[in-house]
PDB file of all heavy atoms in Angstrom:
ATOM      1  N   ALA A   1    -106.234 -42.191  99.002  1.00  0.00           N
ATOM      2  CA  ALA A   1    -106.601 -40.799  98.741  1.00  0.00           C
ATOM      3  C   ALA A   1    -106.851 -40.069 100.052  1.00  0.00           C
ATOM      4  O   ALA A   1    -107.274 -40.666 101.044  1.00  0.00           O
ATOM      5  CB  ALA A   1    -107.847 -40.754  97.857  1.00  0.00           C
ATOM      6  N   LEU A   2    -106.601 -38.768 100.055  1.00  0.00           N
ATOM      7  CA  LEU A   2    -106.680 -38.004 101.291  1.00  0.00           C
ATOM      8  C   LEU A   2    -108.087 -37.952 101.868  1.00  0.00           C
ATOM      9  O   LEU A   2    -108.260 -37.761 103.066  1.00  0.00           O
ATOM     10  CB  LEU A   2    -106.168 -36.582 101.055  1.00  0.00           C
ATOM     11  CG  LEU A   2    -104.665 -36.451 100.786  1.00  0.00           C
ATOM     12  CD1 LEU A   2    -104.311 -35.005 100.519  1.00  0.00           C
ATOM     13  CD2 LEU A   2    -103.866 -36.982 101.973  1.00  0.00           C
ATOM     14  N   HIS A   3    -109.113 -38.120 101.010  1.00  0.00           N
ATOM     15  CA  HIS A   3    -110.479 -38.017 101.529  1.00  0.00           C
ATOM     16  C   HIS A   3    -110.976 -39.337 102.114  1.00  0.00           C
ATOM     17  O   HIS A   3    -112.069 -39.385 102.675  1.00  0.00           O
ATOM     18  CB  HIS A   3    -111.433 -37.565 100.419  1.00  0.00           C
ATOM     19  CG  HIS A   3    -111.589 -38.575  99.318  1.00  0.00           C
ATOM     20  ND1 HIS A   3    -110.737 -38.623  98.235  1.00  0.00           N
ATOM     21  CD2 HIS A   3    -112.482 -39.589  99.136  1.00  0.00           C
ATOM     22  CE1 HIS A   3    -111.107 -39.609  97.420  1.00  0.00           C
ATOM     23  NE2 HIS A   3    -112.147 -40.210  97.940  1.00  0.00           N
ATOM     24  N   THR A   4    -110.197 -40.407 101.991  1.00  0.00           N
ATOM     25  CA  THR A   4    -110.634 -41.691 102.533  1.00  0.00           C
ATOM     26  C   THR A   4    -110.267 -41.783 104.006  1.00  0.00           C
ATOM     27  O   THR A   4    -109.293 -41.184 104.448  1.00  0.00           O
ATOM     28  CB  THR A   4    -109.964 -42.867 101.787  1.00  0.00           C
ATOM     29  OG1 THR A   4    -108.550 -42.747 101.925  1.00  0.00           O
ATOM     30  CG2 THR A   4    -110.326 -42.848 100.323  1.00  0.00           C
ATOM     31  N   PRO A   5    -111.052 -42.540 104.791  1.00  0.00           N
ATOM     32  CA  PRO A   5    -110.693 -42.700 106.204  1.00  0.00           C
ATOM     33  C   PRO A   5    -109.410 -43.509 106.329  1.00  0.00           C
ATOM     34  O   PRO A   5    -109.300 -44.612 105.800  1.00  0.00           O
ATOM     35  CB  PRO A   5    -111.892 -43.449 106.791  1.00  0.00           C
ATOM     36  CG  PRO A   5    -112.559 -44.094 105.635  1.00  0.00           C
ATOM     37  CD  PRO A   5    -112.300 -43.222 104.447  1.00  0.00           C
ATOM     38  N   LEU A   6    -108.421 -42.936 107.029  1.00  0.00           N
ATOM     39  CA  LEU A   6    -107.107 -43.573 107.103  1.00  0.00           C
ATOM     40  C   LEU A   6    -106.973 -44.495 108.294  1.00  0.00           C
ATOM     41  O   LEU A   6    -106.064 -45.312 108.331  1.00  0.00           O
ATOM     42  CB  LEU A   6    -106.016 -42.497 107.173  1.00  0.00           C
ATOM     43  CG  LEU A   6    -105.939 -41.532 105.990  1.00  0.00           C
ATOM     44  CD1 LEU A   6    -104.803 -40.540 106.207  1.00  0.00           C
ATOM     45  CD2 LEU A   6    -105.735 -42.282 104.690  1.00  0.00           C
ATOM     46  N   ARG A   7    -107.829 -44.352 109.263  1.00  0.00           N
ATOM     47  CA  ARG A   7    -107.626 -45.089 110.506  1.00  0.00           C
ATOM     48  C   ARG A   7    -108.673 -46.177 110.684  1.00  0.00           C
ATOM     49  O   ARG A   7    -109.844 -45.994 110.379  1.00  0.00           O
ATOM     50  CB  ARG A   7    -107.632 -44.137 111.702  1.00  0.00           C
ATOM     51  CG  ARG A   7    -106.510 -43.106 111.627  1.00  0.00           C
ATOM     52  CD  ARG A   7    -106.428 -42.274 112.886  1.00  0.00           C
ATOM     53  NE  ARG A   7    -105.478 -41.182 112.722  1.00  0.00           N
ATOM     54  CZ  ARG A   7    -104.187 -41.281 112.931  1.00  0.00           C
ATOM     55  NH1 ARG A   7    -103.663 -42.419 113.305  1.00  0.00           N
ATOM     56  NH2 ARG A   7    -103.388 -40.252 112.777  1.00  0.00           N
ATOM     57  N   SER A   8    -108.226 -47.305 111.167  1.00  0.00           N
ATOM     58  CA  SER A   8    -109.104 -48.439 111.433  1.00  0.00           C
ATOM     59  C   SER A   8    -109.509 -48.392 112.900  1.00  0.00           C
ATOM     60  O   SER A   8    -108.653 -48.438 113.777  1.00  0.00           O
ATOM     61  CB  SER A   8    -108.367 -49.749 111.127  1.00  0.00           C
ATOM     62  OG  SER A   8    -109.152 -50.859 111.473  1.00  0.00           O
ATOM     63  N   PRO A   9    -110.812 -48.295 113.204  1.00  0.00           N
ATOM     64  CA  PRO A   9    -111.203 -48.069 114.594  1.00  0.00           C
ATOM     65  C   PRO A   9    -111.071 -49.318 115.456  1.00  0.00           C
ATOM     66  O   PRO A   9    -111.371 -50.431 115.037  1.00  0.00           O
ATOM     67  CB  PRO A   9    -112.670 -47.638 114.480  1.00  0.00           C
ATOM     68  CG  PRO A   9    -113.147 -48.283 113.213  1.00  0.00           C
ATOM     69  CD  PRO A   9    -111.967 -48.312 112.294  1.00  0.00           C
ATOM     70  N   GLY A  10    -110.600 -49.112 116.682  1.00  0.00           N
ATOM     71  CA  GLY A  10    -110.620 -50.143 117.706  1.00  0.00           C
ATOM     72  C   GLY A  10    -111.540 -49.677 118.815  1.00  0.00           C
ATOM     73  O   GLY A  10    -111.689 -48.479 119.040  1.00  0.00           O
ATOM     74  N   SER A  11    -112.170 -50.599 119.493  1.00  0.00           N
ATOM     75  CA  SER A  11    -113.106 -50.242 120.557  1.00  0.00           C
ATOM     76  C   SER A  11    -112.630 -50.806 121.880  1.00  0.00           C
ATOM     77  O   SER A  11    -111.988 -51.861 121.920  1.00  0.00           O
ATOM     78  CB  SER A  11    -114.510 -50.768 120.242  1.00  0.00           C
ATOM     79  OG  SER A  11    -115.025 -50.144 119.080  1.00  0.00           O
ATOM     80  N   GLY A  12    -112.958 -50.102 122.949  1.00  0.00           N
ATOM     81  CA  GLY A  12    -112.556 -50.539 124.277  1.00  0.00           C
ATOM     82  C   GLY A  12    -113.727 -50.595 125.222  1.00  0.00           C
ATOM     83  O   GLY A  12    -114.741 -49.923 125.027  1.00  0.00           O
ATOM     84  N   LYS A  13    -113.586 -51.412 126.246  1.00  0.00           N
ATOM     85  CA  LYS A  13    -114.641 -51.591 127.242  1.00  0.00           C
ATOM     86  C   LYS A  13    -113.998 -51.597 128.614  1.00  0.00           C
ATOM     87  O   LYS A  13    -112.796 -51.820 128.754  1.00  0.00           O
ATOM     88  CB  LYS A  13    -115.364 -52.922 127.002  1.00  0.00           C
ATOM     89  CG  LYS A  13    -114.439 -54.150 127.051  1.00  0.00           C
ATOM     90  CD  LYS A  13    -115.182 -55.415 126.703  1.00  0.00           C
ATOM     91  CE  LYS A  13    -114.293 -56.648 126.825  1.00  0.00           C
ATOM     92  NZ  LYS A  13    -113.231 -56.676 125.814  1.00  0.00           N
ATOM     93  N   GLY A  14    -114.809 -51.352 129.646  1.00  0.00           N
ATOM     94  CA  GLY A  14    -114.251 -51.389 130.986  1.00  0.00           C
ATOM     95  C   GLY A  14    -115.251 -50.954 132.026  1.00  0.00           C
ATOM     96  O   GLY A  14    -116.277 -50.329 131.711  1.00  0.00           O
ATOM     97  N   VAL A  15    -114.959 -51.276 133.265  1.00  0.00           N
ATOM     98  CA  VAL A  15    -115.855 -50.907 134.362  1.00  0.00           C
ATOM     99  C   VAL A  15    -115.664 -49.444 134.753  1.00  0.00           C
ATOM    100  O   VAL A  15    -116.521 -48.856 135.406  1.00  0.00           O
ATOM    101  CB  VAL A  15    -115.636 -51.814 135.585  1.00  0.00           C
ATOM    102  CG1 VAL A  15    -115.968 -53.251 135.247  1.00  0.00           C
ATOM    103  CG2 VAL A  15    -114.204 -51.717 136.088  1.00  0.00           C
ATOM    104  N   THR A  16    -114.534 -48.845 134.371  1.00  0.00           N
ATOM    105  CA  THR A  16    -114.295 -47.431 134.617  1.00  0.00           C
ATOM    106  C   THR A  16    -113.876 -46.780 133.309  1.00  0.00           C
ATOM    107  O   THR A  16    -113.489 -47.452 132.344  1.00  0.00           O
ATOM    108  CB  THR A  16    -113.184 -47.207 135.656  1.00  0.00           C
ATOM    109  OG1 THR A  16    -111.921 -47.645 135.099  1.00  0.00           O
ATOM    110  CG2 THR A  16    -113.468 -47.976 136.941  1.00  0.00           C
ATOM    111  N   GLU A  17    -113.923 -45.462 133.290  1.00  0.00           N
ATOM    112  CA  GLU A  17    -113.514 -44.732 132.096  1.00  0.00           C
ATOM    113  C   GLU A  17    -112.046 -45.004 131.762  1.00  0.00           C
ATOM    114  O   GLU A  17    -111.681 -45.186 130.598  1.00  0.00           O
ATOM    115  CB  GLU A  17    -113.749 -43.234 132.311  1.00  0.00           C
ATOM    116  CG  GLU A  17    -113.351 -42.369 131.141  1.00  0.00           C
ATOM    117  CD  GLU A  17    -113.686 -40.911 131.364  1.00  0.00           C
ATOM    118  OE1 GLU A  17    -114.820 -40.623 131.794  1.00  0.00           O
ATOM    119  OE2 GLU A  17    -112.809 -40.054 131.111  1.00  0.00           O
ATOM    120  N   ALA A  18    -111.189 -45.034 132.783  1.00  0.00           N
ATOM    121  CA  ALA A  18    -109.759 -45.261 132.545  1.00  0.00           C
ATOM    122  C   ALA A  18    -109.516 -46.645 131.945  1.00  0.00           C
ATOM    123  O   ALA A  18    -108.723 -46.794 131.011  1.00  0.00           O
ATOM    124  CB  ALA A  18    -108.984 -45.102 133.847  1.00  0.00           C
ATOM    125  N   HIS A  19    -110.170 -47.669 132.487  1.00  0.00           N
ATOM    126  CA  HIS A  19    -109.998 -49.013 131.937  1.00  0.00           C
ATOM    127  C   HIS A  19    -110.491 -49.081 130.489  1.00  0.00           C
ATOM    128  O   HIS A  19    -109.877 -49.756 129.650  1.00  0.00           O
ATOM    129  CB  HIS A  19    -110.756 -50.038 132.790  1.00  0.00           C
ATOM    130  CG  HIS A  19    -110.078 -50.378 134.078  1.00  0.00           C
ATOM    131  ND1 HIS A  19    -110.513 -49.883 135.289  1.00  0.00           N
ATOM    132  CD2 HIS A  19    -108.996 -51.154 134.356  1.00  0.00           C
ATOM    133  CE1 HIS A  19    -109.735 -50.352 136.258  1.00  0.00           C
ATOM    134  NE2 HIS A  19    -108.803 -51.118 135.716  1.00  0.00           N
ATOM    135  N   ALA A  20    -111.596 -48.407 130.185  1.00  0.00           N
ATOM    136  CA  ALA A  20    -112.128 -48.446 128.826  1.00  0.00           C
ATOM    137  C   ALA A  20    -111.209 -47.720 127.848  1.00  0.00           C
ATOM    138  O   ALA A  20    -111.024 -48.162 126.705  1.00  0.00           O
ATOM    139  CB  ALA A  20    -113.524 -47.841 128.803  1.00  0.00           C
ATOM    140  N   LYS A  21    -110.619 -46.608 128.272  1.00  0.00           N
ATOM    141  CA  LYS A  21    -109.678 -45.898 127.402  1.00  0.00           C
ATOM    142  C   LYS A  21    -108.465 -46.761 127.086  1.00  0.00           C
ATOM    143  O   LYS A  21    -108.021 -46.851 125.929  1.00  0.00           O
ATOM    144  CB  LYS A  21    -109.229 -44.599 128.069  1.00  0.00           C
ATOM    145  CG  LYS A  21    -110.265 -43.485 128.060  1.00  0.00           C
ATOM    146  CD  LYS A  21    -109.695 -42.230 128.705  1.00  0.00           C
ATOM    147  CE  LYS A  21    -110.678 -41.078 128.642  1.00  0.00           C
ATOM    148  NZ  LYS A  21    -110.130 -39.856 129.288  1.00  0.00           N
ATOM    149  N   VAL A  22    -107.916 -47.408 128.116  1.00  0.00           N
ATOM    150  CA  VAL A  22    -106.759 -48.278 127.905  1.00  0.00           C
ATOM    151  C   VAL A  22    -107.136 -49.452 127.002  1.00  0.00           C
ATOM    152  O   VAL A  22    -106.355 -49.863 126.137  1.00  0.00           O
ATOM    153  CB  VAL A  22    -106.210 -48.766 129.257  1.00  0.00           C
ATOM    154  CG1 VAL A  22    -105.215 -49.900 129.057  1.00  0.00           C
ATOM    155  CG2 VAL A  22    -105.541 -47.627 129.996  1.00  0.00           C
ATOM    156  N   SER A  23    -108.323 -49.996 127.189  1.00  0.00           N
ATOM    157  CA  SER A  23    -108.777 -51.104 126.357  1.00  0.00           C
ATOM    158  C   SER A  23    -108.855 -50.696 124.892  1.00  0.00           C
ATOM    159  O   SER A  23    -108.441 -51.444 123.995  1.00  0.00           O
ATOM    160  CB  SER A  23    -110.143 -51.581 126.849  1.00  0.00           C
ATOM    161  OG  SER A  23    -110.669 -52.586 126.013  1.00  0.00           O
ATOM    162  N   ALA A  24    -109.376 -49.494 124.620  1.00  0.00           N
ATOM    163  CA  ALA A  24    -109.453 -49.008 123.236  1.00  0.00           C
ATOM    164  C   ALA A  24    -108.068 -48.790 122.650  1.00  0.00           C
ATOM    165  O   ALA A  24    -107.788 -49.163 121.501  1.00  0.00           O
ATOM    166  CB  ALA A  24    -110.264 -47.713 123.187  1.00  0.00           C
ATOM    167  N   LEU A  25    -107.169 -48.181 123.435  1.00  0.00           N
ATOM    168  CA  LEU A  25    -105.799 -47.956 122.966  1.00  0.00           C
ATOM    169  C   LEU A  25    -105.108 -49.278 122.677  1.00  0.00           C
ATOM    170  O   LEU A  25    -104.444 -49.441 121.640  1.00  0.00           O
ATOM    171  CB  LEU A  25    -105.020 -47.174 124.025  1.00  0.00           C
ATOM    172  CG  LEU A  25    -103.521 -46.964 123.760  1.00  0.00           C
ATOM    173  CD1 LEU A  25    -103.303 -46.180 122.489  1.00  0.00           C
ATOM    174  CD2 LEU A  25    -102.863 -46.270 124.956  1.00  0.00           C
ATOM    175  N   ALA A  26    -105.260 -50.254 123.585  1.00  0.00           N
ATOM    176  CA  ALA A  26    -104.599 -51.546 123.402  1.00  0.00           C
ATOM    177  C   ALA A  26    -105.117 -52.260 122.162  1.00  0.00           C
ATOM    178  O   ALA A  26    -104.347 -52.868 121.407  1.00  0.00           O
ATOM    179  CB  ALA A  26    -104.805 -52.421 124.640  1.00  0.00           C
ATOM    180  N   GLU A  27    -106.437 -52.182 121.910  1.00  0.00           N
ATOM    181  CA  GLU A  27    -106.964 -52.853 120.725  1.00  0.00           C
ATOM    182  C   GLU A  27    -106.466 -52.191 119.450  1.00  0.00           C
ATOM    183  O   GLU A  27    -106.154 -52.862 118.461  1.00  0.00           O
ATOM    184  CB  GLU A  27    -108.492 -52.864 120.739  1.00  0.00           C
ATOM    185  CG  GLU A  27    -109.078 -53.585 119.539  1.00  0.00           C
ATOM    186  CD  GLU A  27    -110.550 -53.891 119.682  1.00  0.00           C
ATOM    187  OE1 GLU A  27    -110.923 -54.608 120.632  1.00  0.00           O
ATOM    188  OE2 GLU A  27    -111.339 -53.423 118.836  1.00  0.00           O
ATOM    189  N   ALA A  28    -106.365 -50.862 119.461  1.00  0.00           N
ATOM    190  CA  ALA A  28    -105.855 -50.174 118.276  1.00  0.00           C
ATOM    191  C   ALA A  28    -104.392 -50.543 118.012  1.00  0.00           C
ATOM    192  O   ALA A  28    -103.995 -50.790 116.868  1.00  0.00           O
ATOM    193  CB  ALA A  28    -106.000 -48.665 118.455  1.00  0.00           C
ATOM    194  N   LEU A  29    -103.580 -50.592 119.072  1.00  0.00           N
ATOM    195  CA  LEU A  29    -102.175 -50.962 118.898  1.00  0.00           C
ATOM    196  C   LEU A  29    -102.031 -52.430 118.512  1.00  0.00           C
ATOM    197  O   LEU A  29    -101.139 -52.797 117.735  1.00  0.00           O
ATOM    198  CB  LEU A  29    -101.399 -50.661 120.178  1.00  0.00           C
ATOM    199  CG  LEU A  29    -101.307 -49.181 120.563  1.00  0.00           C
ATOM    200  CD1 LEU A  29    -100.581 -49.017 121.891  1.00  0.00           C
ATOM    201  CD2 LEU A  29    -100.614 -48.382 119.466  1.00  0.00           C
ATOM    202  N   GLU A  30    -102.890 -53.275 119.078  1.00  0.00           N
ATOM    203  CA  GLU A  30    -102.891 -54.691 118.691  1.00  0.00           C
ATOM    204  C   GLU A  30    -103.173 -54.828 117.201  1.00  0.00           C
ATOM    205  O   GLU A  30    -102.512 -55.587 116.485  1.00  0.00           O
ATOM    206  CB  GLU A  30    -103.950 -55.434 119.497  1.00  0.00           C
ATOM    207  CG  GLU A  30    -104.239 -56.850 119.022  1.00  0.00           C
ATOM    208  CD  GLU A  30    -105.591 -57.354 119.495  1.00  0.00           C
ATOM    209  OE1 GLU A  30    -105.913 -57.187 120.680  1.00  0.00           O
ATOM    210  OE2 GLU A  30    -106.332 -57.906 118.666  1.00  0.00           O
ATOM    211  N   ARG A  31    -104.156 -54.076 116.716  1.00  0.00           N
ATOM    212  CA  ARG A  31    -104.512 -54.163 115.296  1.00  0.00           C
ATOM    213  C   ARG A  31    -103.372 -53.648 114.425  1.00  0.00           C
ATOM    214  O   ARG A  31    -103.045 -54.248 113.396  1.00  0.00           O
ATOM    215  CB  ARG A  31    -105.792 -53.361 115.051  1.00  0.00           C
ATOM    216  CG  ARG A  31    -106.342 -53.498 113.648  1.00  0.00           C
ATOM    217  CD  ARG A  31    -107.753 -52.962 113.562  1.00  0.00           C
ATOM    218  NE  ARG A  31    -108.643 -53.672 114.474  1.00  0.00           N
ATOM    219  CZ  ARG A  31    -109.949 -53.440 114.556  1.00  0.00           C
ATOM    220  NH1 ARG A  31    -110.507 -52.519 113.797  1.00  0.00           N
ATOM    221  NH2 ARG A  31    -110.696 -54.118 115.392  1.00  0.00           N
ATOM    222  N   TYR A  32    -102.768 -52.540 114.832  1.00  0.00           N
ATOM    223  CA  TYR A  32    -101.637 -52.009 114.066  1.00  0.00           C
ATOM    224  C   TYR A  32    -100.511 -53.033 113.995  1.00  0.00           C
ATOM    225  O   TYR A  32     -99.900 -53.243 112.943  1.00  0.00           O
ATOM    226  CB  TYR A  32    -101.134 -50.722 114.707  1.00  0.00           C
ATOM    227  CG  TYR A  32     -99.919 -50.140 114.022  1.00  0.00           C
ATOM    228  CD1 TYR A  32    -100.055 -49.256 112.960  1.00  0.00           C
ATOM    229  CD2 TYR A  32     -98.629 -50.507 114.413  1.00  0.00           C
ATOM    230  CE1 TYR A  32     -98.938 -48.738 112.315  1.00  0.00           C
ATOM    231  CE2 TYR A  32     -97.509 -49.996 113.773  1.00  0.00           C
ATOM    232  CZ  TYR A  32     -97.673 -49.110 112.725  1.00  0.00           C
ATOM    233  OH  TYR A  32     -96.568 -48.614 112.082  1.00  0.00           O
ATOM    234  N   SER A  33    -100.222 -53.671 115.123  1.00  0.00           N
ATOM    235  CA  SER A  33     -99.107 -54.621 115.180  1.00  0.00           C
ATOM    236  C   SER A  33     -99.364 -55.856 114.328  1.00  0.00           C
ATOM    237  O   SER A  33     -98.419 -56.574 113.985  1.00  0.00           O
ATOM    238  CB  SER A  33     -98.859 -55.041 116.633  1.00  0.00           C
ATOM    239  OG  SER A  33     -98.554 -53.923 117.439  1.00  0.00           O
ATOM    240  N   GLY A  34    -100.606 -56.115 113.989  1.00  0.00           N
ATOM    241  CA  GLY A  34    -100.931 -57.299 113.206  1.00  0.00           C
ATOM    242  C   GLY A  34    -100.719 -57.139 111.717  1.00  0.00           C
ATOM    243  O   GLY A  34    -100.796 -58.129 110.970  1.00  0.00           O
ATOM    244  N   TYR A  35    -100.439 -55.913 111.259  1.00  0.00           N
ATOM    245  CA  TYR A  35    -100.267 -55.694 109.828  1.00  0.00           C
ATOM    246  C   TYR A  35     -98.860 -56.066 109.381  1.00  0.00           C
ATOM    247  O   TYR A  35     -97.873 -55.791 110.071  1.00  0.00           O
ATOM    248  CB  TYR A  35    -100.539 -54.236 109.466  1.00  0.00           C
ATOM    249  CG  TYR A  35    -102.003 -53.918 109.279  1.00  0.00           C
ATOM    250  CD1 TYR A  35    -102.774 -53.500 110.356  1.00  0.00           C
ATOM    251  CD2 TYR A  35    -102.615 -54.050 108.039  1.00  0.00           C
ATOM    252  CE1 TYR A  35    -104.127 -53.205 110.190  1.00  0.00           C
ATOM    253  CE2 TYR A  35    -103.950 -53.763 107.871  1.00  0.00           C
ATOM    254  CZ  TYR A  35    -104.708 -53.345 108.943  1.00  0.00           C
ATOM    255  OH  TYR A  35    -106.034 -53.069 108.782  1.00  0.00           O
ATOM    256  N   PHE A  36     -98.774 -56.688 108.214  1.00  0.00           N
ATOM    257  CA  PHE A  36     -97.488 -57.002 107.603  1.00  0.00           C
ATOM    258  C   PHE A  36     -96.810 -55.704 107.186  1.00  0.00           C
ATOM    259  O   PHE A  36     -97.430 -54.848 106.548  1.00  0.00           O
ATOM    260  CB  PHE A  36     -97.702 -57.903 106.389  1.00  0.00           C
ATOM    261  CG  PHE A  36     -96.437 -58.283 105.670  1.00  0.00           C
ATOM    262  CD1 PHE A  36     -95.673 -59.348 106.118  1.00  0.00           C
ATOM    263  CD2 PHE A  36     -96.019 -57.579 104.554  1.00  0.00           C
ATOM    264  CE1 PHE A  36     -94.500 -59.692 105.463  1.00  0.00           C
ATOM    265  CE2 PHE A  36     -94.858 -57.921 103.891  1.00  0.00           C
ATOM    266  CZ  PHE A  36     -94.095 -58.981 104.347  1.00  0.00           C
ATOM    267  N   GLN A  37     -95.504 -55.559 107.537  1.00  0.00           N
ATOM    268  CA  GLN A  37     -94.785 -54.331 107.233  1.00  0.00           C
ATOM    269  C   GLN A  37     -93.545 -54.551 106.368  1.00  0.00           C
ATOM    270  O   GLN A  37     -92.943 -53.585 105.910  1.00  0.00           O
ATOM    271  CB  GLN A  37     -94.404 -53.618 108.538  1.00  0.00           C
ATOM    272  CG  GLN A  37     -95.624 -53.296 109.385  1.00  0.00           C
ATOM    273  CD  GLN A  37     -95.328 -52.293 110.483  1.00  0.00           C
ATOM    274  OE1 GLN A  37     -94.559 -51.356 110.287  1.00  0.00           O
ATOM    275  NE2 GLN A  37     -95.956 -52.473 111.633  1.00  0.00           N
ATOM    276  N   GLY A  38     -93.139 -55.812 106.171  1.00  0.00           N
ATOM    277  CA  GLY A  38     -92.058 -56.081 105.238  1.00  0.00           C
ATOM    278  C   GLY A  38     -90.742 -56.480 105.865  1.00  0.00           C
ATOM    279  O   GLY A  38     -89.859 -57.026 105.176  1.00  0.00           O
ATOM    280  N   ASP A  39     -90.555 -56.204 107.181  1.00  0.00           N
ATOM    281  CA  ASP A  39     -89.294 -56.579 107.808  1.00  0.00           C
ATOM    282  C   ASP A  39     -89.436 -57.836 108.668  1.00  0.00           C
ATOM    283  O   ASP A  39     -88.523 -58.170 109.435  1.00  0.00           O
ATOM    284  CB  ASP A  39     -88.728 -55.429 108.640  1.00  0.00           C
ATOM    285  CG  ASP A  39     -89.722 -54.869 109.650  1.00  0.00           C
ATOM    286  OD1 ASP A  39     -90.858 -55.376 109.704  1.00  0.00           O
ATOM    287  OD2 ASP A  39     -89.367 -53.917 110.370  1.00  0.00           O
ATOM    288  N   GLU A  40     -90.544 -58.528 108.532  1.00  0.00           N
ATOM    289  CA  GLU A  40     -90.741 -59.781 109.260  1.00  0.00           C
ATOM    290  C   GLU A  40     -89.882 -60.881 108.625  1.00  0.00           C
ATOM    291  O   GLU A  40     -89.723 -60.930 107.399  1.00  0.00           O
ATOM    292  CB  GLU A  40     -92.214 -60.204 109.227  1.00  0.00           C
ATOM    293  CG  GLU A  40     -93.180 -59.236 109.889  1.00  0.00           C
ATOM    294  CD  GLU A  40     -93.577 -58.071 109.012  1.00  0.00           C
ATOM    295  OE1 GLU A  40     -93.096 -58.004 107.865  1.00  0.00           O
ATOM    296  OE2 GLU A  40     -94.363 -57.228 109.470  1.00  0.00           O
ATOM    297  N   PRO A  41     -89.316 -61.786 109.421  1.00  0.00           N
ATOM    298  CA  PRO A  41     -88.521 -62.876 108.850  1.00  0.00           C
ATOM    299  C   PRO A  41     -89.417 -63.842 108.077  1.00  0.00           C
ATOM    300  O   PRO A  41     -90.504 -64.198 108.533  1.00  0.00           O
ATOM    301  CB  PRO A  41     -87.903 -63.548 110.079  1.00  0.00           C
ATOM    302  CG  PRO A  41     -88.818 -63.212 111.207  1.00  0.00           C
ATOM    303  CD  PRO A  41     -89.361 -61.840 110.897  1.00  0.00           C
ATOM    304  N   ARG A  42     -88.944 -64.242 106.894  1.00  0.00           N
ATOM    305  CA  ARG A  42     -89.721 -65.160 106.056  1.00  0.00           C
ATOM    306  C   ARG A  42     -88.801 -66.187 105.409  1.00  0.00           C
ATOM    307  O   ARG A  42     -87.664 -65.892 105.065  1.00  0.00           O
ATOM    308  CB  ARG A  42     -90.466 -64.385 104.964  1.00  0.00           C
ATOM    309  CG  ARG A  42     -91.625 -63.548 105.464  1.00  0.00           C
ATOM    310  CD  ARG A  42     -92.264 -62.767 104.326  1.00  0.00           C
ATOM    311  NE  ARG A  42     -91.424 -61.651 103.906  1.00  0.00           N
ATOM    312  CZ  ARG A  42     -91.556 -61.008 102.744  1.00  0.00           C
ATOM    313  NH1 ARG A  42     -92.453 -61.418 101.868  1.00  0.00           N
ATOM    314  NH2 ARG A  42     -90.771 -59.996 102.445  1.00  0.00           N
TER     315      ARG A  42
END
């Protein structure tokens, strides 16, 4: 439903702001890539 939260949050850490932003982005993409999508070989 449109009122439900659609995004699964990922968190990032780092010694600088830039490293922490990249860490958060990488964790979010890692989580997305872990979902079954149907075109995986089985």
